[in-house]
């Protein structure tokens, strides 16, 4: 499954859905686009509504809370809740199992934001764990952080452009990712010809 973060739907334009999507489905349930391939655009507000429905077991009450103006003012004063809900939804997806006990989504690829917003997203669990000592928020964040820092389950693959500023930002991202305890792989640079790297390496290597 491929998860997009943000307001734009890019993948559905590249991969037409296997069946028409109902409006209510978008932002909550992964949509099939090809055999064994699903996409989901993760919307924090929809993730919040889904979380409240699971906790309260009353959809009408959950919708009333989310639609309340005072509740929205409270959220506006609480930085980081969108990032935390985003990561919580990703944890939820990764923890789902089939009736046979195998992962429902064996592989989840997340198209994360650019460097600045991406670092904010990655840093939120550490900030919460440093400030909250107990309670449901602490327990849920512990689960999220355990998933994110498990190198056998989570891997960051930075993608950059072959330009000075994006490359420098990517190098800074890799350093910060390691500081946060996340596993990272060598960066990918689409559009950079592989033969150029090979040629430079050949010129630097002694002739045998």
N, C-alpha and C. Protein backbone atom coordinates (compact mmCIF):
# COMPACT_ATOMS: atom_id res chain seq x y z
N UNK A 1 0.83 -1.18 0.00
CA UNK A 1 0.00 0.00 0.00
C UNK A 1 0.88 1.25 0.00
N UNK A 2 0.46 2.25 -0.74
CA UNK A 2 1.16 3.53 -0.80
C UNK A 2 0.28 4.59 -0.15
N UNK A 3 0.85 5.30 0.83
CA UNK A 3 0.11 6.32 1.57
C UNK A 3 0.64 7.69 1.19
N UNK A 4 -0.25 8.57 0.79
CA UNK A 4 0.11 9.96 0.50
C UNK A 4 -0.30 10.85 1.65
N UNK A 5 0.57 11.80 2.00
CA UNK A 5 0.27 12.78 3.03
C UNK A 5 0.08 14.14 2.38
N UNK A 6 -0.89 14.88 2.85
CA UNK A 6 -1.13 16.19 2.26
C UNK A 6 -2.48 16.28 1.60
N UNK A 7 -2.68 17.40 0.92
CA UNK A 7 -4.00 17.69 0.35
C UNK A 7 -4.18 17.23 -1.08
N UNK A 8 -3.11 16.87 -1.77
CA UNK A 8 -3.23 16.54 -3.19
C UNK A 8 -3.20 15.03 -3.40
N UNK A 9 -4.00 14.57 -4.35
CA UNK A 9 -4.03 13.17 -4.74
C UNK A 9 -3.22 13.01 -6.03
N UNK A 10 -2.01 12.54 -5.92
CA UNK A 10 -1.16 12.37 -7.10
C UNK A 10 -1.29 10.96 -7.67
N UNK A 11 -1.23 9.97 -6.80
CA UNK A 11 -1.24 8.59 -7.26
C UNK A 11 -2.50 8.20 -8.03
N UNK A 12 -3.70 8.60 -7.59
CA UNK A 12 -4.87 8.23 -8.38
C UNK A 12 -4.83 8.74 -9.81
N UNK A 13 -4.12 9.87 -10.04
CA UNK A 13 -3.98 10.37 -11.40
C UNK A 13 -3.03 9.51 -12.21
N UNK A 14 -2.01 8.96 -11.53
CA UNK A 14 -1.05 8.10 -12.21
C UNK A 14 -1.58 6.69 -12.36
N UNK A 15 -2.35 6.26 -11.36
CA UNK A 15 -2.88 4.90 -11.36
C UNK A 15 -4.39 4.98 -11.16
N UNK A 16 -5.18 4.96 -12.23
CA UNK A 16 -6.63 5.04 -12.09
C UNK A 16 -7.14 3.92 -11.18
N UNK A 17 -8.07 4.24 -10.26
CA UNK A 17 -8.57 3.22 -9.33
C UNK A 17 -9.25 2.07 -10.05
N UNK A 18 -9.17 0.89 -9.44
CA UNK A 18 -9.78 -0.30 -10.02
C UNK A 18 -11.29 -0.20 -10.03
N UNK A 19 -11.85 0.61 -9.15
CA UNK A 19 -13.29 0.85 -9.13
C UNK A 19 -13.53 2.28 -8.67
N UNK A 20 -14.68 2.88 -9.00
CA UNK A 20 -14.94 4.26 -8.59
C UNK A 20 -14.92 4.39 -7.06
N UNK A 21 -14.35 5.47 -6.56
CA UNK A 21 -14.29 5.69 -5.12
C UNK A 21 -15.51 6.48 -4.67
N UNK A 22 -16.11 6.01 -3.58
CA UNK A 22 -17.16 6.79 -2.95
C UNK A 22 -16.51 7.87 -2.10
N UNK A 23 -17.15 9.00 -2.01
CA UNK A 23 -16.57 10.13 -1.29
C UNK A 23 -16.25 9.77 0.16
N UNK A 24 -17.12 8.98 0.80
CA UNK A 24 -16.92 8.64 2.20
C UNK A 24 -15.69 7.77 2.42
N UNK A 25 -15.26 7.08 1.36
CA UNK A 25 -14.13 6.17 1.52
C UNK A 25 -12.81 6.91 1.56
N UNK A 26 -12.72 8.02 0.89
CA UNK A 26 -11.45 8.70 0.72
C UNK A 26 -10.94 9.23 2.05
N UNK A 27 -9.66 8.99 2.32
CA UNK A 27 -9.07 9.45 3.55
C UNK A 27 -9.23 8.49 4.71
N UNK A 28 -9.89 7.36 4.51
CA UNK A 28 -10.07 6.41 5.60
C UNK A 28 -9.68 5.00 5.20
N UNK A 29 -10.22 4.51 4.10
CA UNK A 29 -9.94 3.14 3.67
C UNK A 29 -9.04 3.14 2.44
N UNK A 30 -8.00 2.29 2.42
CA UNK A 30 -7.15 2.16 1.23
C UNK A 30 -7.97 1.75 0.02
N UNK A 31 -7.63 2.31 -1.14
CA UNK A 31 -8.38 2.06 -2.36
C UNK A 31 -7.54 1.24 -3.34
N UNK A 32 -8.12 0.21 -3.94
CA UNK A 32 -7.36 -0.60 -4.90
C UNK A 32 -7.14 0.16 -6.20
N UNK A 33 -5.92 0.11 -6.70
CA UNK A 33 -5.60 0.75 -7.98
C UNK A 33 -5.02 -0.25 -8.98
N UNK A 34 -4.58 -1.39 -8.49
CA UNK A 34 -4.05 -2.45 -9.35
C UNK A 34 -4.02 -3.72 -8.51
N UNK A 35 -3.64 -4.82 -9.14
CA UNK A 35 -3.58 -6.07 -8.41
C UNK A 35 -2.55 -5.97 -7.28
N UNK A 36 -3.00 -6.24 -6.05
CA UNK A 36 -2.14 -6.21 -4.86
C UNK A 36 -1.52 -4.83 -4.62
N UNK A 37 -2.17 -3.77 -5.11
CA UNK A 37 -1.68 -2.42 -4.87
C UNK A 37 -2.83 -1.51 -4.47
N UNK A 38 -2.66 -0.86 -3.31
CA UNK A 38 -3.69 0.04 -2.78
C UNK A 38 -3.05 1.39 -2.49
N UNK A 39 -3.89 2.43 -2.51
CA UNK A 39 -3.41 3.77 -2.15
C UNK A 39 -4.34 4.36 -1.09
N UNK A 40 -3.79 5.29 -0.32
CA UNK A 40 -4.58 5.99 0.70
C UNK A 40 -4.02 7.39 0.86
N UNK A 41 -4.87 8.38 0.79
CA UNK A 41 -4.45 9.75 1.13
C UNK A 41 -4.85 9.99 2.57
N UNK A 42 -3.86 10.10 3.44
CA UNK A 42 -4.11 10.19 4.87
C UNK A 42 -4.40 11.64 5.25
N UNK A 43 -5.60 11.86 5.75
CA UNK A 43 -6.05 13.19 6.16
C UNK A 43 -6.14 13.21 7.69
N UNK A 44 -5.35 14.04 8.40
CA UNK A 44 -5.36 14.02 9.86
C UNK A 44 -6.74 14.21 10.47
N UNK A 45 -7.54 15.12 9.89
CA UNK A 45 -8.88 15.35 10.43
C UNK A 45 -9.75 14.10 10.34
N UNK A 46 -9.62 13.36 9.26
CA UNK A 46 -10.37 12.12 9.11
C UNK A 46 -9.83 11.06 10.06
N UNK A 47 -8.52 11.03 10.26
CA UNK A 47 -7.92 10.10 11.21
C UNK A 47 -8.39 10.39 12.63
N UNK A 48 -8.53 11.68 12.96
CA UNK A 48 -9.04 12.06 14.28
C UNK A 48 -10.46 11.56 14.47
N UNK A 49 -11.31 11.76 13.48
CA UNK A 49 -12.69 11.30 13.56
C UNK A 49 -12.75 9.79 13.73
N UNK A 50 -11.94 9.08 12.97
CA UNK A 50 -11.92 7.62 13.07
C UNK A 50 -11.46 7.18 14.46
N UNK A 51 -10.45 7.85 15.01
CA UNK A 51 -9.95 7.51 16.34
C UNK A 51 -11.03 7.72 17.40
N UNK A 52 -11.74 8.85 17.33
CA UNK A 52 -12.80 9.12 18.30
C UNK A 52 -13.93 8.10 18.18
N UNK A 53 -14.24 7.70 16.97
CA UNK A 53 -15.29 6.69 16.78
C UNK A 53 -14.88 5.36 17.43
N UNK A 54 -13.60 5.00 17.30
CA UNK A 54 -13.12 3.76 17.91
C UNK A 54 -13.14 3.85 19.43
N UNK A 55 -12.84 5.03 19.97
CA UNK A 55 -12.79 5.19 21.42
C UNK A 55 -14.17 5.34 22.04
N UNK A 56 -15.06 6.07 21.38
CA UNK A 56 -16.38 6.37 21.94
C UNK A 56 -17.44 5.35 21.54
N UNK A 57 -17.20 4.65 20.43
CA UNK A 57 -18.14 3.64 19.92
C UNK A 57 -19.49 4.24 19.50
N UNK A 58 -19.52 5.56 19.34
CA UNK A 58 -20.75 6.24 18.91
C UNK A 58 -20.35 7.23 17.83
N UNK A 59 -20.66 6.92 16.58
CA UNK A 59 -20.22 7.76 15.47
C UNK A 59 -20.83 9.15 15.56
N UNK A 60 -22.11 9.25 15.93
CA UNK A 60 -22.77 10.55 16.00
C UNK A 60 -22.09 11.47 17.00
N UNK A 61 -21.71 10.92 18.17
CA UNK A 61 -21.04 11.72 19.18
C UNK A 61 -19.66 12.16 18.71
N UNK A 62 -18.94 11.26 18.05
CA UNK A 62 -17.61 11.60 17.54
C UNK A 62 -17.70 12.73 16.53
N UNK A 63 -18.67 12.65 15.64
CA UNK A 63 -18.83 13.71 14.64
C UNK A 63 -19.23 15.03 15.27
N UNK A 64 -20.02 14.96 16.34
CA UNK A 64 -20.42 16.19 17.03
C UNK A 64 -19.22 16.86 17.68
N UNK A 65 -18.32 16.07 18.24
CA UNK A 65 -17.12 16.63 18.87
C UNK A 65 -16.22 17.28 17.84
N UNK A 66 -15.97 16.56 16.74
CA UNK A 66 -15.09 17.08 15.70
C UNK A 66 -15.67 18.33 15.05
N UNK A 67 -16.98 18.40 14.97
CA UNK A 67 -17.62 19.56 14.35
C UNK A 67 -17.80 20.74 15.28
N UNK A 68 -17.42 20.59 16.56
CA UNK A 68 -17.61 21.66 17.53
C UNK A 68 -16.56 22.75 17.36
N UNK A 69 -17.00 24.00 17.33
CA UNK A 69 -16.08 25.12 17.11
C UNK A 69 -15.07 25.26 18.24
N UNK A 70 -15.50 25.04 19.50
CA UNK A 70 -14.59 25.14 20.63
C UNK A 70 -13.51 24.06 20.56
N UNK A 71 -13.89 22.88 20.09
CA UNK A 71 -12.93 21.80 19.94
C UNK A 71 -11.89 22.15 18.88
N UNK A 72 -12.32 22.79 17.82
CA UNK A 72 -11.39 23.22 16.77
C UNK A 72 -10.42 24.28 17.30
N UNK A 73 -10.90 25.17 18.15
CA UNK A 73 -10.01 26.18 18.73
C UNK A 73 -8.97 25.52 19.64
N UNK A 74 -9.41 24.48 20.35
CA UNK A 74 -8.48 23.73 21.19
C UNK A 74 -7.39 23.07 20.34
N UNK A 75 -7.79 22.48 19.22
CA UNK A 75 -6.83 21.84 18.33
C UNK A 75 -5.85 22.84 17.75
N UNK A 76 -6.36 24.01 17.39
CA UNK A 76 -5.49 25.04 16.82
C UNK A 76 -4.41 25.47 17.81
N UNK A 77 -4.70 25.34 19.10
CA UNK A 77 -3.74 25.73 20.13
C UNK A 77 -2.83 24.58 20.55
N UNK A 78 -3.02 23.42 19.93
CA UNK A 78 -2.23 22.24 20.30
C UNK A 78 -1.34 21.85 19.13
N UNK A 79 -0.11 22.36 19.07
CA UNK A 79 0.77 22.05 17.94
C UNK A 79 1.17 20.57 17.93
N UNK A 80 1.30 20.04 16.72
CA UNK A 80 1.78 18.67 16.58
C UNK A 80 0.72 17.60 16.54
N UNK A 81 -0.56 17.96 16.75
CA UNK A 81 -1.58 16.91 16.80
C UNK A 81 -1.79 16.27 15.44
N UNK A 82 -1.66 17.05 14.38
CA UNK A 82 -1.83 16.47 13.04
C UNK A 82 -0.74 15.43 12.76
N UNK A 83 0.50 15.79 13.11
CA UNK A 83 1.60 14.85 12.89
C UNK A 83 1.43 13.59 13.73
N UNK A 84 1.02 13.76 14.98
CA UNK A 84 0.86 12.60 15.86
C UNK A 84 -0.27 11.69 15.39
N UNK A 85 -1.36 12.28 14.94
CA UNK A 85 -2.46 11.47 14.41
C UNK A 85 -2.06 10.78 13.12
N UNK A 86 -1.27 11.45 12.31
CA UNK A 86 -0.79 10.83 11.07
C UNK A 86 0.03 9.59 11.38
N UNK A 87 0.97 9.71 12.31
CA UNK A 87 1.80 8.57 12.68
C UNK A 87 0.97 7.49 13.37
N UNK A 88 -0.02 7.92 14.16
CA UNK A 88 -0.88 6.94 14.81
C UNK A 88 -1.69 6.13 13.82
N UNK A 89 -2.16 6.78 12.77
CA UNK A 89 -2.89 6.07 11.72
C UNK A 89 -1.97 5.09 11.00
N UNK A 90 -0.74 5.49 10.75
CA UNK A 90 0.22 4.59 10.10
C UNK A 90 0.51 3.38 10.99
N UNK A 91 0.63 3.61 12.29
CA UNK A 91 0.82 2.49 13.23
C UNK A 91 -0.39 1.56 13.17
N UNK A 92 -1.58 2.14 13.15
CA UNK A 92 -2.80 1.33 13.11
C UNK A 92 -2.83 0.46 11.85
N UNK A 93 -2.48 1.03 10.72
CA UNK A 93 -2.47 0.27 9.47
C UNK A 93 -1.46 -0.87 9.53
N UNK A 94 -0.29 -0.59 10.12
CA UNK A 94 0.75 -1.62 10.18
C UNK A 94 0.42 -2.73 11.16
N UNK A 95 -0.48 -2.46 12.10
CA UNK A 95 -0.80 -3.46 13.12
C UNK A 95 -2.01 -4.33 12.74
N UNK A 96 -2.71 -3.98 11.67
CA UNK A 96 -3.88 -4.76 11.27
C UNK A 96 -3.45 -6.14 10.79
N UNK A 97 -4.27 -7.13 11.12
CA UNK A 97 -3.98 -8.50 10.71
C UNK A 97 -5.19 -9.13 10.04
N UNK A 98 -4.93 -10.13 9.22
CA UNK A 98 -6.00 -10.90 8.60
C UNK A 98 -6.51 -11.93 9.61
N UNK A 99 -7.55 -12.64 9.23
CA UNK A 99 -8.07 -13.67 10.14
C UNK A 99 -7.05 -14.76 10.39
N UNK A 100 -6.14 -14.96 9.46
CA UNK A 100 -5.10 -15.97 9.63
C UNK A 100 -3.93 -15.51 10.48
N UNK A 101 -3.94 -14.23 10.90
CA UNK A 101 -2.87 -13.72 11.75
C UNK A 101 -1.71 -13.07 11.02
N UNK A 102 -1.76 -13.02 9.70
CA UNK A 102 -0.69 -12.38 8.94
C UNK A 102 -1.02 -10.89 8.77
N UNK A 103 0.00 -10.04 8.52
CA UNK A 103 -0.27 -8.60 8.36
C UNK A 103 -1.22 -8.34 7.20
N UNK A 104 -2.19 -7.48 7.45
CA UNK A 104 -3.12 -7.12 6.37
C UNK A 104 -2.40 -6.32 5.30
N UNK A 105 -1.45 -5.47 5.74
CA UNK A 105 -0.66 -4.67 4.81
C UNK A 105 0.81 -5.00 5.04
N UNK A 106 1.36 -5.99 4.32
CA UNK A 106 2.75 -6.42 4.55
C UNK A 106 3.76 -5.31 4.28
N UNK A 107 3.44 -4.40 3.36
CA UNK A 107 4.36 -3.31 3.04
C UNK A 107 3.56 -2.02 2.90
N UNK A 108 3.95 -1.01 3.67
CA UNK A 108 3.32 0.31 3.60
C UNK A 108 4.40 1.31 3.22
N UNK A 109 4.24 1.94 2.06
CA UNK A 109 5.17 2.96 1.59
C UNK A 109 4.52 4.32 1.79
N UNK A 110 5.19 5.20 2.52
CA UNK A 110 4.64 6.52 2.84
C UNK A 110 5.38 7.58 2.05
N UNK A 111 4.63 8.34 1.26
CA UNK A 111 5.19 9.49 0.55
C UNK A 111 5.18 10.67 1.51
N UNK A 112 6.26 10.83 2.27
CA UNK A 112 6.31 11.83 3.34
C UNK A 112 6.52 13.23 2.78
N UNK A 113 6.30 14.27 3.61
CA UNK A 113 6.49 15.65 3.14
C UNK A 113 7.96 15.97 2.87
N UNK A 114 8.19 17.17 2.35
CA UNK A 114 9.55 17.64 2.11
C UNK A 114 10.29 17.80 3.44
N UNK A 115 11.59 18.12 3.36
CA UNK A 115 12.48 18.04 4.52
C UNK A 115 11.94 18.75 5.76
N UNK A 116 11.53 20.01 5.64
CA UNK A 116 11.09 20.76 6.82
C UNK A 116 9.91 20.12 7.51
N UNK A 117 8.83 19.90 6.77
CA UNK A 117 7.65 19.27 7.34
C UNK A 117 7.93 17.81 7.70
N UNK A 118 8.79 17.17 6.93
CA UNK A 118 9.12 15.79 7.22
C UNK A 118 9.81 15.64 8.57
N UNK A 119 10.74 16.55 8.89
CA UNK A 119 11.41 16.51 10.18
C UNK A 119 10.43 16.78 11.32
N UNK A 120 9.49 17.68 11.10
CA UNK A 120 8.46 17.93 12.12
C UNK A 120 7.66 16.67 12.39
N UNK A 121 7.32 15.97 11.32
CA UNK A 121 6.56 14.72 11.45
C UNK A 121 7.37 13.68 12.23
N UNK A 122 8.64 13.52 11.90
CA UNK A 122 9.46 12.50 12.52
C UNK A 122 9.79 12.83 13.98
N UNK A 123 9.81 14.10 14.33
CA UNK A 123 10.24 14.52 15.67
C UNK A 123 9.13 14.48 16.71
N UNK A 124 7.88 14.48 16.29
CA UNK A 124 6.77 14.61 17.23
C UNK A 124 6.77 13.54 18.32
N UNK A 125 6.95 12.24 18.00
CA UNK A 125 6.91 11.24 19.08
C UNK A 125 7.94 11.50 20.17
N UNK A 126 9.16 11.89 19.80
CA UNK A 126 10.20 12.16 20.80
C UNK A 126 9.80 13.33 21.70
N UNK A 127 9.20 14.36 21.10
CA UNK A 127 8.76 15.52 21.88
C UNK A 127 7.69 15.11 22.87
N UNK A 128 6.72 14.32 22.42
CA UNK A 128 5.64 13.88 23.32
C UNK A 128 6.19 13.03 24.45
N UNK A 129 7.10 12.10 24.15
CA UNK A 129 7.65 11.21 25.17
C UNK A 129 8.49 11.98 26.19
N UNK A 130 9.07 13.10 25.77
CA UNK A 130 9.86 13.91 26.70
C UNK A 130 8.99 14.72 27.64
N UNK A 131 7.73 14.94 27.28
CA UNK A 131 6.87 15.83 28.07
C UNK A 131 5.72 15.11 28.77
N UNK A 132 5.28 13.98 28.24
CA UNK A 132 4.14 13.26 28.82
C UNK A 132 4.64 11.97 29.46
N UNK A 133 4.36 11.79 30.74
CA UNK A 133 4.91 10.66 31.49
C UNK A 133 3.94 9.49 31.62
N UNK A 134 2.66 9.72 31.53
CA UNK A 134 1.69 8.63 31.71
C UNK A 134 0.39 8.97 31.01
N UNK A 135 -0.52 7.98 30.98
CA UNK A 135 -1.82 8.18 30.38
C UNK A 135 -1.90 7.60 28.98
N UNK A 136 -3.11 7.68 28.37
CA UNK A 136 -3.33 7.11 27.03
C UNK A 136 -2.41 7.70 25.96
N UNK A 137 -2.17 9.02 26.03
CA UNK A 137 -1.31 9.65 25.03
C UNK A 137 0.10 9.06 25.09
N UNK A 138 0.59 8.85 26.30
CA UNK A 138 1.92 8.27 26.46
C UNK A 138 1.96 6.84 25.93
N UNK A 139 0.95 6.04 26.27
CA UNK A 139 0.92 4.64 25.82
C UNK A 139 0.86 4.55 24.30
N UNK A 140 0.00 5.36 23.70
CA UNK A 140 -0.12 5.32 22.24
C UNK A 140 1.15 5.79 21.55
N UNK A 141 1.77 6.82 22.11
CA UNK A 141 3.01 7.33 21.51
C UNK A 141 4.14 6.33 21.68
N UNK A 142 4.16 5.61 22.79
CA UNK A 142 5.17 4.55 22.98
C UNK A 142 5.06 3.51 21.87
N UNK A 143 3.84 3.14 21.51
CA UNK A 143 3.63 2.15 20.44
C UNK A 143 4.13 2.69 19.11
N UNK A 144 3.80 3.95 18.83
CA UNK A 144 4.24 4.57 17.57
C UNK A 144 5.77 4.63 17.51
N UNK A 145 6.39 5.07 18.61
CA UNK A 145 7.84 5.21 18.62
C UNK A 145 8.53 3.85 18.49
N UNK A 146 7.95 2.81 19.11
CA UNK A 146 8.53 1.47 19.00
C UNK A 146 8.53 1.00 17.55
N UNK A 147 7.46 1.31 16.82
CA UNK A 147 7.40 0.94 15.41
C UNK A 147 8.43 1.73 14.59
N UNK A 148 8.50 3.02 14.82
CA UNK A 148 9.34 3.89 13.99
C UNK A 148 10.82 3.62 14.19
N UNK A 149 11.22 3.23 15.39
CA UNK A 149 12.64 3.01 15.68
C UNK A 149 13.06 1.55 15.53
N UNK A 150 12.15 0.71 15.06
CA UNK A 150 12.46 -0.70 14.81
C UNK A 150 12.98 -0.83 13.39
N UNK A 151 14.30 -1.02 13.25
CA UNK A 151 14.92 -1.05 11.92
C UNK A 151 14.42 -2.21 11.07
N UNK A 152 13.86 -3.24 11.69
CA UNK A 152 13.34 -4.37 10.92
C UNK A 152 11.95 -4.08 10.35
N UNK A 153 11.32 -2.98 10.79
CA UNK A 153 9.96 -2.67 10.35
C UNK A 153 9.84 -1.31 9.66
N UNK A 154 10.73 -0.38 9.99
CA UNK A 154 10.62 0.98 9.45
C UNK A 154 11.96 1.42 8.88
N UNK A 155 11.89 2.01 7.70
CA UNK A 155 13.10 2.47 7.01
C UNK A 155 12.81 3.78 6.30
N UNK A 156 13.69 4.75 6.47
CA UNK A 156 13.57 6.05 5.80
C UNK A 156 14.43 6.03 4.54
N UNK A 157 13.83 6.34 3.41
CA UNK A 157 14.55 6.40 2.14
C UNK A 157 14.45 7.83 1.60
N UNK A 158 15.44 8.67 1.85
CA UNK A 158 15.39 10.05 1.34
C UNK A 158 15.47 10.07 -0.19
N UNK A 159 14.68 10.95 -0.79
CA UNK A 159 14.68 11.14 -2.24
C UNK A 159 14.97 12.61 -2.51
N UNK A 160 15.90 12.88 -3.42
CA UNK A 160 16.29 14.25 -3.67
C UNK A 160 16.44 14.51 -5.17
N UNK A 161 16.64 15.76 -5.50
CA UNK A 161 16.94 16.17 -6.88
C UNK A 161 18.44 16.42 -7.01
N UNK A 162 19.01 16.27 -8.20
CA UNK A 162 20.44 16.49 -8.39
C UNK A 162 20.78 17.98 -8.46
N UNK A 163 20.43 18.70 -7.37
CA UNK A 163 20.70 20.12 -7.27
C UNK A 163 21.28 20.41 -5.89
N UNK A 164 22.04 21.49 -5.77
CA UNK A 164 22.79 21.76 -4.54
C UNK A 164 21.89 21.87 -3.31
N UNK A 165 20.85 22.71 -3.36
CA UNK A 165 20.02 22.93 -2.19
C UNK A 165 19.29 21.66 -1.75
N UNK A 166 18.60 20.95 -2.66
CA UNK A 166 17.94 19.71 -2.23
C UNK A 166 18.91 18.67 -1.67
N UNK A 167 20.10 18.57 -2.27
CA UNK A 167 21.08 17.59 -1.79
C UNK A 167 21.54 17.96 -0.38
N UNK A 168 21.82 19.24 -0.12
CA UNK A 168 22.23 19.66 1.22
C UNK A 168 21.14 19.40 2.24
N UNK A 169 19.89 19.68 1.87
CA UNK A 169 18.78 19.41 2.78
C UNK A 169 18.66 17.92 3.07
N UNK A 170 18.89 17.11 2.06
CA UNK A 170 18.81 15.66 2.24
C UNK A 170 19.90 15.16 3.17
N UNK A 171 21.10 15.71 3.05
CA UNK A 171 22.19 15.33 3.95
C UNK A 171 21.86 15.70 5.40
N UNK A 172 21.27 16.87 5.59
CA UNK A 172 20.85 17.28 6.93
C UNK A 172 19.74 16.36 7.45
N UNK A 173 18.84 15.96 6.56
CA UNK A 173 17.77 15.05 6.95
C UNK A 173 18.33 13.72 7.43
N UNK A 174 19.31 13.19 6.73
CA UNK A 174 19.89 11.91 7.10
C UNK A 174 20.52 11.98 8.49
N UNK A 175 21.20 13.08 8.80
CA UNK A 175 21.80 13.25 10.12
C UNK A 175 20.73 13.28 11.20
N UNK A 176 19.67 14.05 10.95
CA UNK A 176 18.60 14.19 11.94
C UNK A 176 17.86 12.86 12.13
N UNK A 177 17.66 12.13 11.07
CA UNK A 177 16.98 10.84 11.15
C UNK A 177 17.76 9.89 12.05
N UNK A 178 19.08 9.87 11.89
CA UNK A 178 19.92 9.01 12.74
C UNK A 178 19.84 9.46 14.20
N UNK A 179 19.80 10.77 14.44
CA UNK A 179 19.69 11.27 15.82
C UNK A 179 18.39 10.85 16.47
N UNK A 180 17.33 10.72 15.67
CA UNK A 180 16.02 10.32 16.20
C UNK A 180 15.91 8.81 16.38
N UNK A 181 16.91 8.06 15.93
CA UNK A 181 16.90 6.62 16.11
C UNK A 181 16.24 5.85 15.01
N UNK A 182 16.00 6.50 13.87
CA UNK A 182 15.37 5.83 12.74
C UNK A 182 16.44 5.21 11.85
N UNK A 183 16.10 4.11 11.22
CA UNK A 183 17.00 3.50 10.24
C UNK A 183 16.83 4.22 8.90
N UNK A 184 17.94 4.37 8.17
CA UNK A 184 17.90 5.09 6.90
C UNK A 184 18.77 4.37 5.89
N UNK A 185 18.37 4.46 4.63
CA UNK A 185 19.12 3.88 3.54
C UNK A 185 19.77 4.99 2.72
N UNK A 186 20.63 4.58 1.79
CA UNK A 186 21.26 5.54 0.89
C UNK A 186 20.21 6.31 0.11
N UNK A 187 20.42 7.60 -0.05
CA UNK A 187 19.42 8.45 -0.71
C UNK A 187 19.25 8.08 -2.17
N UNK A 188 18.02 8.32 -2.66
CA UNK A 188 17.72 8.10 -4.06
C UNK A 188 17.65 9.43 -4.78
N UNK A 189 18.17 9.46 -6.01
CA UNK A 189 18.20 10.70 -6.78
C UNK A 189 17.67 10.42 -8.19
N UNK A 190 16.34 10.43 -8.36
CA UNK A 190 15.78 10.17 -9.68
C UNK A 190 16.27 11.19 -10.70
N UNK A 191 16.56 10.73 -11.90
CA UNK A 191 17.02 11.62 -12.94
C UNK A 191 18.51 11.74 -13.03
N UNK A 192 19.22 11.20 -12.04
CA UNK A 192 20.67 11.24 -12.08
C UNK A 192 21.18 10.00 -12.80
N UNK A 193 21.84 10.15 -13.93
CA UNK A 193 22.25 8.98 -14.71
C UNK A 193 23.25 8.12 -13.97
N UNK A 194 22.94 6.84 -13.87
CA UNK A 194 23.82 5.91 -13.15
C UNK A 194 25.19 5.83 -13.81
N UNK A 195 25.23 5.99 -15.17
CA UNK A 195 26.51 5.85 -15.85
C UNK A 195 27.47 6.97 -15.47
N UNK A 196 26.93 8.13 -15.05
CA UNK A 196 27.80 9.23 -14.64
C UNK A 196 28.58 8.84 -13.40
N UNK A 197 27.88 8.24 -12.43
CA UNK A 197 28.54 7.80 -11.21
C UNK A 197 29.56 6.73 -11.51
N UNK A 198 29.19 5.80 -12.38
CA UNK A 198 30.10 4.72 -12.73
C UNK A 198 31.35 5.25 -13.42
N UNK A 199 31.15 6.21 -14.32
CA UNK A 199 32.28 6.78 -15.04
C UNK A 199 33.24 7.49 -14.10
N UNK A 200 32.70 8.26 -13.14
CA UNK A 200 33.56 8.96 -12.19
C UNK A 200 34.33 7.97 -11.33
N UNK A 201 33.62 6.91 -10.90
CA UNK A 201 34.28 5.90 -10.08
C UNK A 201 35.39 5.21 -10.86
N UNK A 202 35.18 4.98 -12.16
CA UNK A 202 36.18 4.33 -12.99
C UNK A 202 37.42 5.21 -13.15
N UNK A 203 37.17 6.55 -13.29
CA UNK A 203 38.29 7.45 -13.45
C UNK A 203 39.14 7.55 -12.18
N UNK A 204 38.46 7.37 -11.01
CA UNK A 204 39.20 7.44 -9.77
C UNK A 204 39.90 6.15 -9.43
N UNK A 205 39.45 5.03 -10.03
CA UNK A 205 40.03 3.73 -9.72
C UNK A 205 41.31 3.50 -10.52
N UNK A 206 42.35 2.90 -9.90
CA UNK A 206 43.58 2.64 -10.63
C UNK A 206 43.37 1.58 -11.71
N UNK A 207 44.07 1.72 -12.81
CA UNK A 207 43.96 0.76 -13.90
C UNK A 207 44.72 -0.50 -13.57
N UNK A 208 44.05 -1.63 -13.79
CA UNK A 208 44.68 -2.91 -13.50
C UNK A 208 44.94 -3.67 -14.79
